[in-house]
Amino acid sequence: AIPQGETPTLPNIIYNETLDLMGSSIGIIKPKSRFTYGQKITDGDIIYGLPSGGICANGVSKARSIVEKLPDGYFTELPNGKTMGEELLTPTPIYVRPIIEMFKAKVDLHYISPITGHGFRKIARARFLFSYIIDKIPEPPTIFSSLIDFGQRFGFDVTDVENYQVWNMGVFIALVAPKEDEETIIDVADKHGIEIFKLGYVQKGDRSVVIKPKNIVYRY
């Protein structure tokens, strides 16, 4: 048996005498050349971001802590007309099809990183000495600006440094690829109706993520 499951979202949900059911899946990568754990990352590679559209089931413990302080809780109406509960339940996008199509189009994807737990820090998860320079970031979805606003009111740490290492802030998947594949990557994204972001580039250096617009540096 290979047990596996996510636990960070369980505080205040799982108590004594309750049961947590979880599942896992195992896949086979064919051909092996598609196995990307960062081994092909190169100085000068471009970093792209695929949009999240919402919280994507990460950083929800902190989100719940903030929402529980609100008089109307999950029924609190946000500027876009939706309730807090509706925004938190925005489905997580699945990008399997466009990424498979990129491989089929001979895009040499050097790295694929989900911006899940640990937020933008996750981009430097590959254990190689590179700095990931983010010089452009998208406008975060409504859920994040609302959580930040309410969090400030109730004394939570919702500084930029904290937010970008807890939430995805609008980017769910980071792709790293050579500059020469840029046109194909954008074409595939357009075909699938995805607004892909060109976030920045890779350079030799310490293992870090530098978010220039926010003056943030995360180091490992």
Foldseek 3Di string as FASTA:
>chain_A
DDDDDDDPVCVVPDDPPDDDDDDDDDDDDPPPLPDALQPPADAWWFKKFFWFQAQQPFLVVLVQVLQVVDPVRQQCAFPVRHGLVVRNPDHGDDDPVLVVVCVVVVFNWNHKFFLGQQAPLRVLVRPDQKEAEFADDDQFHRSLVVSLVSCVVVVHPNAPQVPRGGGNRTGGMMIIGHPVCVVVSVVSCVVVVTDMGRGGGMHGHGSWYANVVRRDIDHD
